[in-house]
Amino acid sequence: MISGYLGKSEAFDLALGEFALAYAGETIRDHTALVAAVKAGRIDALVEEDL
């Protein structure tokens, strides 16, 4: 099992948490760029009001 490989250290837990926080920030930046591109007309997108 994975738990046997990882052992009892918190290193993996901490690394996974750090990755999750960093990835959350990346997701926010990506979404912000997407919204800006849609508003500028650089890409087309369906928005909820159009459905």
N, C-alpha and C. Protein backbone atom coordinates (compact mmCIF):
# COMPACT_ATOMS: atom_id res chain seq x y z
N MET A 1 0.82 -1.19 0.00
CA MET A 1 0.00 0.00 0.00
C MET A 1 0.87 1.26 0.00
N ILE A 2 0.27 2.33 -0.40
CA ILE A 2 0.99 3.60 -0.46
C ILE A 2 1.45 4.04 0.92
N SER A 3 0.63 3.85 1.93
CA SER A 3 1.00 4.30 3.28
C SER A 3 2.28 3.62 3.76
N GLY A 4 2.49 2.37 3.38
CA GLY A 4 3.71 1.68 3.74
C GLY A 4 4.93 2.29 3.08
N TYR A 5 4.77 2.75 1.86
CA TYR A 5 5.86 3.38 1.14
C TYR A 5 6.17 4.76 1.71
N LEU A 6 5.12 5.52 2.04
CA LEU A 6 5.31 6.89 2.52
C LEU A 6 5.80 6.96 3.95
N GLY A 7 5.47 5.97 4.74
CA GLY A 7 5.89 5.97 6.14
C GLY A 7 5.04 6.89 6.98
N LYS A 8 5.56 7.24 8.13
CA LYS A 8 4.80 8.04 9.09
C LYS A 8 5.15 9.53 9.06
N SER A 9 6.09 9.90 8.23
CA SER A 9 6.50 11.29 8.13
C SER A 9 5.37 12.15 7.55
N GLU A 10 5.36 13.41 7.92
CA GLU A 10 4.37 14.34 7.38
C GLU A 10 4.88 15.02 6.10
N ALA A 11 6.05 14.63 5.62
CA ALA A 11 6.65 15.30 4.46
C ALA A 11 5.74 15.26 3.24
N PHE A 12 5.16 14.10 2.96
CA PHE A 12 4.28 14.00 1.79
C PHE A 12 3.04 14.85 1.99
N ASP A 13 2.44 14.79 3.17
CA ASP A 13 1.25 15.58 3.45
C ASP A 13 1.52 17.07 3.25
N LEU A 14 2.64 17.52 3.77
CA LEU A 14 2.99 18.94 3.64
C LEU A 14 3.26 19.31 2.18
N ALA A 15 3.98 18.45 1.47
CA ALA A 15 4.27 18.73 0.06
C ALA A 15 2.99 18.77 -0.76
N LEU A 16 2.08 17.86 -0.49
CA LEU A 16 0.81 17.84 -1.21
C LEU A 16 -0.01 19.09 -0.91
N GLY A 17 -0.01 19.51 0.34
CA GLY A 17 -0.71 20.74 0.71
C GLY A 17 -0.12 21.96 0.02
N GLU A 18 1.21 22.05 -0.02
CA GLU A 18 1.88 23.16 -0.70
C GLU A 18 1.54 23.16 -2.19
N PHE A 19 1.55 21.98 -2.79
CA PHE A 19 1.21 21.88 -4.21
C PHE A 19 -0.22 22.35 -4.44
N ALA A 20 -1.14 21.92 -3.58
CA ALA A 20 -2.55 22.29 -3.74
C ALA A 20 -2.73 23.80 -3.66
N LEU A 21 -2.06 24.44 -2.72
CA LEU A 21 -2.17 25.89 -2.59
C LEU A 21 -1.57 26.60 -3.81
N ALA A 22 -0.43 26.13 -4.28
CA ALA A 22 0.19 26.73 -5.46
C ALA A 22 -0.70 26.53 -6.68
N TYR A 23 -1.27 25.35 -6.83
CA TYR A 23 -2.12 25.07 -7.98
C TYR A 23 -3.40 25.89 -7.92
N ALA A 24 -3.92 26.11 -6.73
CA ALA A 24 -5.11 26.95 -6.59
C ALA A 24 -4.82 28.36 -7.10
N GLY A 25 -3.65 28.88 -6.75
CA GLY A 25 -3.26 30.19 -7.25
C GLY A 25 -3.14 30.22 -8.76
N GLU A 26 -2.58 29.17 -9.33
CA GLU A 26 -2.46 29.08 -10.79
C GLU A 26 -3.84 29.03 -11.44
N THR A 27 -4.76 28.31 -10.84
CA THR A 27 -6.12 28.22 -11.36
C THR A 27 -6.79 29.58 -11.36
N ILE A 28 -6.61 30.33 -10.30
CA ILE A 28 -7.18 31.68 -10.22
C ILE A 28 -6.59 32.57 -11.31
N ARG A 29 -5.28 32.51 -11.50
CA ARG A 29 -4.64 33.31 -12.56
C ARG A 29 -5.14 32.90 -13.94
N ASP A 30 -5.29 31.60 -14.17
CA ASP A 30 -5.79 31.12 -15.46
C ASP A 30 -7.21 31.62 -15.71
N HIS A 31 -8.06 31.55 -14.69
CA HIS A 31 -9.45 31.98 -14.85
C HIS A 31 -9.51 33.49 -15.10
N THR A 32 -8.69 34.24 -14.40
CA THR A 32 -8.65 35.69 -14.61
C THR A 32 -8.25 36.01 -16.05
N ALA A 33 -7.26 35.31 -16.57
CA ALA A 33 -6.83 35.51 -17.96
C ALA A 33 -7.93 35.11 -18.94
N LEU A 34 -8.63 34.04 -18.64
CA LEU A 34 -9.73 33.59 -19.51
C LEU A 34 -10.84 34.64 -19.55
N VAL A 35 -11.25 35.13 -18.40
CA VAL A 35 -12.31 36.14 -18.34
C VAL A 35 -11.88 37.39 -19.11
N ALA A 36 -10.65 37.81 -18.94
CA ALA A 36 -10.15 38.99 -19.66
C ALA A 36 -10.18 38.77 -21.17
N ALA A 37 -9.79 37.59 -21.62
CA ALA A 37 -9.78 37.28 -23.05
C ALA A 37 -11.20 37.26 -23.61
N VAL A 38 -12.14 36.73 -22.86
CA VAL A 38 -13.54 36.72 -23.32
C VAL A 38 -14.06 38.15 -23.41
N LYS A 39 -13.82 38.94 -22.37
CA LYS A 39 -14.30 40.33 -22.36
C LYS A 39 -13.69 41.15 -23.48
N ALA A 40 -12.44 40.86 -23.83
CA ALA A 40 -11.75 41.59 -24.90
C ALA A 40 -12.14 41.09 -26.28
N GLY A 41 -12.90 40.00 -26.34
CA GLY A 41 -13.31 39.45 -27.63
C GLY A 41 -12.26 38.61 -28.32
N ARG A 42 -11.19 38.26 -27.61
CA ARG A 42 -10.13 37.45 -28.21
C ARG A 42 -10.55 35.99 -28.37
N ILE A 43 -11.48 35.54 -27.53
CA ILE A 43 -12.02 34.19 -27.64
C ILE A 43 -13.52 34.24 -27.39
N ASP A 44 -14.22 33.28 -27.97
CA ASP A 44 -15.66 33.17 -27.75
C ASP A 44 -15.93 32.20 -26.62
N ALA A 45 -16.97 32.48 -25.87
CA ALA A 45 -17.35 31.57 -24.78
C ALA A 45 -18.84 31.71 -24.53
N LEU A 46 -19.45 30.62 -24.16
CA LEU A 46 -20.83 30.65 -23.70
C LEU A 46 -20.83 31.04 -22.23
N VAL A 47 -21.62 32.00 -21.89
CA VAL A 47 -21.75 32.38 -20.49
C VAL A 47 -23.14 32.03 -20.01
N GLU A 48 -23.29 31.89 -18.72
CA GLU A 48 -24.55 31.41 -18.15
C GLU A 48 -25.75 32.23 -18.61
N GLU A 49 -25.58 33.54 -18.73
CA GLU A 49 -26.70 34.38 -19.15
C GLU A 49 -27.17 34.04 -20.57
N ASP A 50 -26.30 33.45 -21.38
CA ASP A 50 -26.63 33.12 -22.77
C ASP A 50 -27.34 31.78 -22.91
N LEU A 51 -27.40 31.00 -21.85
CA LEU A 51 -27.98 29.66 -21.95
C LEU A 51 -29.48 29.68 -21.89
